[in-house]
Amino acid sequence: MSVVEEIVRAFDRSLIISCWKFVFPVLVCFYLFIFIYDKRRYGGKRKSADAAPQQVKEKLDGIEYVGEVDSDDFDPTPVLEEKDHVPFAGAKVTLDSDPLKAAAKFYAIVNDRRSVRKYSSKPVDLAIVEKCIHAAGTSPSGAHTEPWTFCVISDKDIKEQIREIIENEEFINYQQRMSKQWTTDLRPLRTNHVKEYLTEAPHLVLIFKQTYGIKADGSGKKQHYYNEISTSIATGILLCALQAAGLNSLVTTPLNCGPALRNLLGRPVNEKLLVLLPVGYPADDCKVPDLKRKPVEEIIVKY
């Protein structure tokens, strides 16, 4: 038997050749799947290796990243002035000379804090609120960018406009946007779309995170690293300062209201609303949920 005949016989015995009518459609479907997947994921274009640093930055920073891209000829300079560091001896002002007693006193102050939704008309000296915000401004921030803006609203008409914006959106939130589980979990707190505290409280503090800043010379954007985390830390310090001053508040996050409130106050597009705090004293008939906080043993892990 010749070599040619052997090859022909081998092909005749081949499973693939004998089943080509079934194999061929499978291969075509597989190719189409790869083609469609590639187009959906990459827009029909594979990303080159040159794009890898940008991809890494986007994954690391997410929404915190505003789009600066390093290039080979880029020579960055720090936004902060480069100065010699100065000596630091540690905390000088404490609640007690005994560190454990100082910690216990601070715990007693913040443990007394409650979320208040019903406020007295008793006026609050604006200077007290300003000093509390001054304390919030001492918060640490990514690369010391201080990416926050605190808007204090005391004007009656503006508070009414804020309440109208929020209640309109909150009605839709409770009726459509929020899940049944979410509204059920809020039921013990007895909250709904009506927000009387927005006009009852003497002051409202709207806290905006600055997603980026503007360089001092106006030449472009200034990166604000971890702007949401930084502003959230500042908010925590503000809550503690208000409590220490004998004032009450409530952390609210008005869903879908940020752009409208930003426009109302004339804030720039780089500012995004993070939280809104009513500030004042509780009304005489104020009640709060009978809640218990987790014991320290449940929230601390020692190694």
Protein backbone atom coordinates (compact mmCIF):
# COMPACT_ATOMS: atom_id res chain seq x y z
CA MET A 1 0.00 0.00 0.00
CA SER A 2 1.39 3.39 -0.98
CA VAL A 3 1.94 6.26 1.40
CA VAL A 4 -0.86 8.21 -0.30
CA GLU A 5 -3.31 5.38 0.28
CA GLU A 6 -2.30 5.19 3.96
CA ILE A 7 -2.96 8.91 4.38
CA VAL A 8 -6.37 8.60 2.70
CA ARG A 9 -7.30 5.66 4.96
CA ALA A 10 -6.16 7.63 8.02
CA PHE A 11 -8.39 10.54 7.06
CA ASP A 12 -11.29 8.17 6.54
CA ARG A 13 -10.82 6.83 10.08
CA SER A 14 -10.41 10.32 11.59
CA LEU A 15 -13.19 11.17 14.05
CA ILE A 16 -12.92 14.89 13.29
CA ILE A 17 -13.23 14.37 9.54
CA SER A 18 -16.13 12.00 9.92
CA CYS A 19 -17.92 14.45 12.21
CA TRP A 20 -17.01 17.64 10.36
CA LYS A 21 -20.67 18.54 9.87
CA PHE A 22 -20.99 18.88 13.66
CA VAL A 23 -17.52 20.23 14.47
CA PHE A 24 -17.62 23.06 11.94
CA PRO A 25 -20.74 24.80 13.38
CA VAL A 26 -19.26 24.53 16.90
CA LEU A 27 -16.04 26.22 15.75
CA VAL A 28 -18.02 28.97 14.03
CA CYS A 29 -20.10 29.61 17.17
CA PHE A 30 -16.96 29.69 19.32
CA TYR A 31 -15.33 32.22 16.99
CA LEU A 32 -18.44 34.43 17.01
CA PHE A 33 -18.56 34.30 20.82
CA ILE A 34 -14.92 35.43 21.09
CA PHE A 35 -15.50 38.18 18.53
CA ILE A 36 -18.60 39.56 20.29
CA TYR A 37 -17.02 39.33 23.76
CA ASP A 38 -13.91 41.12 22.54
CA LYS A 39 -15.96 43.90 20.95
CA ARG A 40 -18.11 44.44 24.04
CA ARG A 41 -15.17 44.52 26.41
CA TYR A 42 -12.63 46.45 24.38
CA GLY A 43 -14.75 48.21 21.78
CA GLY A 44 -13.15 46.10 19.08
CA LYS A 45 -9.65 47.23 20.06
CA ARG A 46 -7.26 45.47 22.35
CA LYS A 47 -5.60 47.77 24.84
CA SER A 48 -1.90 48.08 24.30
CA ALA A 49 0.79 47.65 26.93
CA ASP A 50 1.22 51.44 26.94
CA ALA A 51 -2.23 51.77 28.49
CA ALA A 52 -1.38 49.48 31.41
CA PRO A 53 -0.19 52.23 33.82
CA GLN A 54 -3.43 54.13 33.24
CA GLN A 55 -5.48 50.96 33.85
CA VAL A 56 -3.62 50.32 37.10
CA LYS A 57 -4.28 53.87 38.29
CA GLU A 58 -7.97 53.58 37.53
CA LYS A 59 -8.19 50.31 39.46
CA LEU A 60 -6.28 51.74 42.42
CA ASP A 61 -8.07 55.04 42.67
CA GLY A 62 -11.48 54.43 41.10
CA ILE A 63 -13.66 57.52 41.24
CA GLU A 64 -10.97 59.33 43.23
CA TYR A 65 -8.80 59.56 40.11
CA VAL A 66 -9.38 62.64 37.95
CA GLY A 67 -7.39 61.71 34.88
CA GLU A 68 -3.78 62.88 35.21
CA VAL A 69 -1.47 60.61 33.23
CA ASP A 70 2.29 60.42 33.68
CA SER A 71 4.45 60.67 30.58
CA ASP A 72 8.16 60.13 30.03
CA ASP A 73 8.88 63.87 29.94
CA PHE A 74 6.62 64.70 32.91
CA ASP A 75 8.49 66.29 35.83
CA PRO A 76 5.97 66.74 38.67
CA THR A 77 6.32 69.23 41.50
CA PRO A 78 4.48 68.85 44.82
CA VAL A 79 1.47 71.03 45.48
CA LEU A 80 2.71 71.63 49.04
CA GLU A 81 5.79 73.75 49.58
CA GLU A 82 8.79 71.58 50.44
CA LYS A 83 9.97 72.75 53.87
CA ASP A 84 11.99 71.23 56.69
CA HIS A 85 9.91 69.24 59.15
CA VAL A 86 9.52 70.67 62.65
CA PRO A 87 9.78 68.91 66.03
CA PHE A 88 6.58 67.55 67.55
CA ALA A 89 6.30 66.58 71.22
CA GLY A 90 2.85 64.99 71.11
CA ALA A 91 -0.58 66.01 72.41
CA LYS A 92 -0.52 69.05 74.68
CA VAL A 93 -4.26 69.56 75.34
CA THR A 94 -6.14 66.60 76.85
CA LEU A 95 -9.30 66.05 78.87
CA ASP A 96 -7.31 64.75 81.83
CA SER A 97 -3.68 64.38 82.80
CA ASP A 98 -4.34 60.66 83.24
CA PRO A 99 -4.57 59.16 79.72
CA LEU A 100 -7.09 56.47 80.74
CA LYS A 101 -9.32 59.01 82.46
CA ALA A 102 -9.04 61.29 79.43
CA ALA A 103 -10.16 58.46 77.14
CA ALA A 104 -13.04 57.63 79.49
CA LYS A 105 -14.20 61.26 79.54
CA PHE A 106 -14.15 61.46 75.76
CA TYR A 107 -16.12 58.21 75.55
CA ALA A 108 -18.72 59.64 77.95
CA ILE A 109 -19.12 62.68 75.70
CA VAL A 110 -19.55 60.80 72.43
CA ASN A 111 -21.61 57.98 73.97
CA ASP A 112 -24.18 60.63 74.88
CA ARG A 113 -24.62 61.48 71.19
CA ARG A 114 -27.93 60.55 69.57
CA SER A 115 -29.45 61.20 66.17
CA VAL A 116 -32.09 63.90 66.71
CA ARG A 117 -34.96 64.40 64.27
CA LYS A 118 -37.06 66.89 66.24
CA TYR A 119 -35.52 70.26 67.10
CA SER A 120 -36.27 73.17 69.37
CA SER A 121 -36.59 76.70 67.99
CA LYS A 122 -34.02 77.80 70.57
CA PRO A 123 -31.38 79.81 68.69
CA VAL A 124 -27.81 78.55 68.41
CA ASP A 125 -24.94 81.04 68.31
CA LEU A 126 -23.40 80.70 64.86
CA ALA A 127 -19.96 81.24 66.41
CA ILE A 128 -20.30 77.87 68.17
CA VAL A 129 -21.02 76.10 64.88
CA GLU A 130 -18.11 77.90 63.22
CA LYS A 131 -15.70 76.79 65.94
CA CYS A 132 -16.90 73.20 65.59
CA ILE A 133 -16.30 73.38 61.83
CA HIS A 134 -12.90 74.88 62.63
CA ALA A 135 -12.19 71.70 64.58
CA ALA A 136 -13.41 69.56 61.66
CA GLY A 137 -10.91 71.36 59.45
CA THR A 138 -8.06 69.85 61.49
CA SER A 139 -8.89 66.44 60.02
CA PRO A 140 -6.18 64.49 58.20
CA SER A 141 -6.55 64.28 54.43
CA GLY A 142 -4.85 62.60 51.50
CA ALA A 143 -1.60 64.50 50.76
CA HIS A 144 -2.99 67.33 52.96
CA THR A 145 -5.34 68.44 50.19
CA GLU A 146 -8.18 69.29 52.65
CA PRO A 147 -10.88 68.43 50.08
CA TRP A 148 -13.96 69.72 51.92
CA THR A 149 -16.42 72.60 51.93
CA PHE A 150 -18.85 73.24 54.80
CA CYS A 151 -21.94 75.28 53.85
CA VAL A 152 -23.86 76.63 56.85
CA ILE A 153 -27.49 77.49 56.11
CA SER A 154 -29.31 79.71 58.60
CA ASP A 155 -31.57 81.61 56.18
CA LYS A 156 -35.22 80.56 56.56
CA ASP A 157 -36.07 80.79 52.85
CA ILE A 158 -33.07 78.72 51.76
CA LYS A 159 -33.89 76.06 54.36
CA GLU A 160 -37.43 75.85 52.99
CA GLN A 161 -36.08 75.39 49.45
CA ILE A 162 -33.72 72.68 50.68
CA ARG A 163 -36.60 70.91 52.42
CA GLU A 164 -38.75 71.05 49.27
CA ILE A 165 -35.97 69.54 47.13
CA ILE A 166 -35.25 66.76 49.61
CA GLU A 167 -38.86 65.84 50.42
CA ASN A 168 -39.76 65.63 46.73
CA GLU A 169 -36.90 63.22 46.08
CA GLU A 170 -37.39 61.31 49.32
CA PHE A 171 -41.03 60.63 48.44
CA ILE A 172 -39.85 58.93 45.24
CA ASN A 173 -37.05 57.18 47.16
CA TYR A 174 -39.44 55.63 49.67
CA GLN A 175 -42.04 54.75 47.03
CA GLN A 176 -39.83 53.44 44.22
CA ARG A 177 -36.04 53.55 44.61
CA MET A 178 -35.54 51.99 48.03
CA SER A 179 -36.02 48.25 48.40
CA LYS A 180 -38.68 46.76 50.67
CA GLN A 181 -35.94 45.47 52.97
CA TRP A 182 -34.44 48.96 53.23
CA THR A 183 -37.71 50.66 54.16
CA THR A 184 -38.50 47.79 56.53
CA ASP A 185 -35.16 48.23 58.29
CA LEU A 186 -35.93 51.94 58.71
CA ARG A 187 -39.36 51.29 60.21
CA PRO A 188 -38.16 50.98 63.85
CA LEU A 189 -36.52 54.41 63.45
CA ARG A 190 -39.89 55.84 62.32
CA THR A 191 -38.48 57.78 59.40
CA ASN A 192 -40.28 58.74 56.21
CA HIS A 193 -40.03 61.27 53.39
CA VAL A 194 -41.21 64.16 55.59
CA LYS A 195 -38.21 66.02 57.05
CA GLU A 196 -39.44 68.69 59.48
CA TYR A 197 -35.98 69.08 60.97
CA LEU A 198 -34.78 70.77 57.77
CA THR A 199 -36.76 73.88 58.67
CA GLU A 200 -36.96 73.41 62.46
CA ALA A 201 -33.21 73.24 63.18
CA PRO A 202 -31.56 76.68 63.54
CA HIS A 203 -28.74 75.70 61.19
CA LEU A 204 -28.06 73.17 58.45
CA VAL A 205 -24.52 72.15 57.56
CA LEU A 206 -24.11 70.75 54.05
CA ILE A 207 -20.75 69.04 53.66
CA PHE A 208 -19.33 68.76 50.16
CA LYS A 209 -16.34 66.70 49.09
CA GLN A 210 -14.12 68.39 46.52
CA THR A 211 -13.39 65.72 43.91
CA TYR A 212 -10.51 67.85 42.69
CA GLY A 213 -9.10 71.31 43.32
CA ILE A 214 -7.71 74.08 41.13
CA LYS A 215 -4.00 74.85 41.21
CA ALA A 216 -3.03 78.17 42.76
CA ASP A 217 -1.89 79.57 39.41
CA GLY A 218 -5.12 78.44 37.75
CA SER A 219 -3.19 76.19 35.37
CA GLY A 220 -5.36 73.13 35.86
CA LYS A 221 -6.82 70.56 38.22
CA LYS A 222 -5.22 69.60 41.51
CA GLN A 223 -5.57 65.95 42.46
CA HIS A 224 -7.55 65.34 45.67
CA TYR A 225 -6.56 61.88 46.84
CA TYR A 226 -9.15 59.89 48.83
CA ASN A 227 -11.42 62.92 48.93
CA GLU A 228 -14.48 61.00 50.19
CA ILE A 229 -12.60 59.23 52.98
CA SER A 230 -10.91 62.49 54.01
CA THR A 231 -14.20 64.41 54.11
CA SER A 232 -15.89 61.58 56.01
CA ILE A 233 -13.19 61.73 58.70
CA ALA A 234 -13.72 65.50 58.96
CA THR A 235 -17.45 64.89 59.35
CA GLY A 236 -16.79 62.52 62.25
CA ILE A 237 -14.68 65.15 63.98
CA LEU A 238 -17.44 67.72 63.43
CA LEU A 239 -20.01 65.42 65.05
CA CYS A 240 -17.77 65.02 68.09
CA ALA A 241 -17.17 68.78 68.30
CA LEU A 242 -20.90 69.53 68.13
CA GLN A 243 -21.55 66.99 70.87
CA ALA A 244 -18.80 68.44 73.05
CA ALA A 245 -20.41 71.88 72.62
CA GLY A 246 -23.78 70.53 73.80
CA LEU A 247 -25.40 70.57 70.37
CA ASN A 248 -27.27 67.78 68.62
CA SER A 249 -27.31 66.69 65.02
CA LEU A 250 -28.35 64.00 62.57
CA VAL A 251 -26.32 62.48 59.74
CA THR A 252 -28.44 62.50 56.59
CA THR A 253 -27.50 61.48 53.06
CA PRO A 254 -30.18 62.94 50.76
CA LEU A 255 -30.45 60.41 47.94
CA ASN A 256 -30.53 61.93 44.42
CA CYS A 257 -30.54 65.49 45.82
CA GLY A 258 -26.87 66.42 45.44
CA PRO A 259 -26.94 68.20 42.05
CA ALA A 260 -30.08 70.22 42.87
CA LEU A 261 -28.70 71.32 46.24
CA ARG A 262 -25.33 72.17 44.70
CA ASN A 263 -27.07 74.35 42.10
CA LEU A 264 -29.25 75.99 44.74
CA LEU A 265 -26.16 77.05 46.70
CA GLY A 266 -24.15 77.94 43.61
CA ARG A 267 -21.35 75.49 44.38
CA PRO A 268 -18.85 74.52 41.64
CA VAL A 269 -19.07 71.24 39.73
CA ASN A 270 -16.05 69.74 41.50
CA GLU A 271 -18.02 69.68 44.76
CA LYS A 272 -20.30 66.72 45.49
CA LEU A 273 -22.68 66.60 48.45
CA LEU A 274 -21.58 64.01 51.00
CA VAL A 275 -23.87 64.57 54.01
CA LEU A 276 -26.28 67.11 55.48
CA LEU A 277 -26.38 67.83 59.22
CA PRO A 278 -29.17 69.73 60.99
CA VAL A 279 -27.72 71.41 64.07
CA GLY A 280 -29.55 72.57 67.18
CA TYR A 281 -31.08 71.55 70.50
CA PRO A 282 -33.71 68.80 70.88
CA ALA A 283 -37.36 69.83 71.19
CA ASP A 284 -39.04 69.38 74.57
CA ASP A 285 -41.04 66.43 73.21
CA CYS A 286 -38.10 64.88 71.35
CA LYS A 287 -37.89 61.09 71.47
CA VAL A 288 -35.21 58.78 70.08
CA PRO A 289 -35.19 55.01 69.47
CA ASP A 290 -34.19 52.86 72.43
CA LEU A 291 -31.01 51.55 70.84
CA LYS A 292 -28.04 49.76 72.35
CA ARG A 293 -24.53 50.01 70.93
CA LYS A 294 -22.25 47.03 70.49
CA PRO A 295 -19.96 46.35 73.47
CA VAL A 296 -16.29 46.97 72.84
CA GLU A 297 -15.62 43.22 72.95
CA GLU A 298 -17.62 42.83 69.72
CA ILE A 299 -15.82 45.52 67.74
CA ILE A 300 -12.20 45.06 68.76
CA VAL A 301 -9.83 42.25 67.80
CA LYS A 302 -6.53 42.07 69.68
CA TYR A 303 -3.37 40.47 68.29
